[in-house]
């Protein structure tokens, strides 16, 4: 009887530690420990794959790469995250653009919202078909090619275009969270670009957050930026999110400010295709 009790106790202890290990694995942020990264959206040149493999983390445009090229980058332990435009439809991406339907575009005064600077259109995250199309694209470009995660760009459009319409902003945010929950079930890691207000809602579903234009003088002389610096730090502490920053000016001061906050900084003085 005692022997059976001991065996039962041992089995319970083993199961307990296995469960603890399992849940710790689920909760671990794959971006923990990343101290350097590179953004590269261009098509790969002859030595691009080799250069990218020298970074702990790279963010790329996945449509330009094959599964074999991704695999070569990952051989040294490099994490590869693929660019997905969340709130805008780029006209250059013809294969994806032609899949969108009327209800996927956001309309103001009965017209699509055209973003001239980017040759793109503002999209409506509340459209079920739009979310399904994005998920299909993520499956083809991220999951099928076995990248490590998704870099969701233009989330900041939710803050920029809907900040004066709280009802619409809430609907867009809630719809984005529906998308993120699907990615969570697929065990896909996500880095969100911009959208500081929206990040207060999406924080439980993302592993990373990127703050572009992280210039020291601008932040330290702007009350709004200083306030969001505190809030972004809080997100990092509260949810274990890795914060990435990018600057094109004031290299040393911007790096020091980022490092002081525990953020990972990237200096890009010209453009992302420069090495």
Foldseek 3Di string as FASTA:
>chain_A
DVVVVVVVVVVVVVVVVVVVVVVVVLQDQPCPPFQAEAEAADADDPCRLVVLLVHQEYEYALVNDALVSLVSSPPSPHAYAYEDEDFKAQVVPVVLVVQDDPQQFDDDPRDWAADVVRRITTTQLLDPSNLVSSVVVCCVRDVVSPGQAYEYEPPQCLCVVCVVPVVSSVSRLVSVLVSLVVCSVVVHAYEYEDDLVSCVVCLLRHQEYEAEQQDQVVQVPDPVNVVSLVVVLVSCVVRVHAYEYEHQDDVPNSCVVQVVSVHRYDYDNDDSNDD
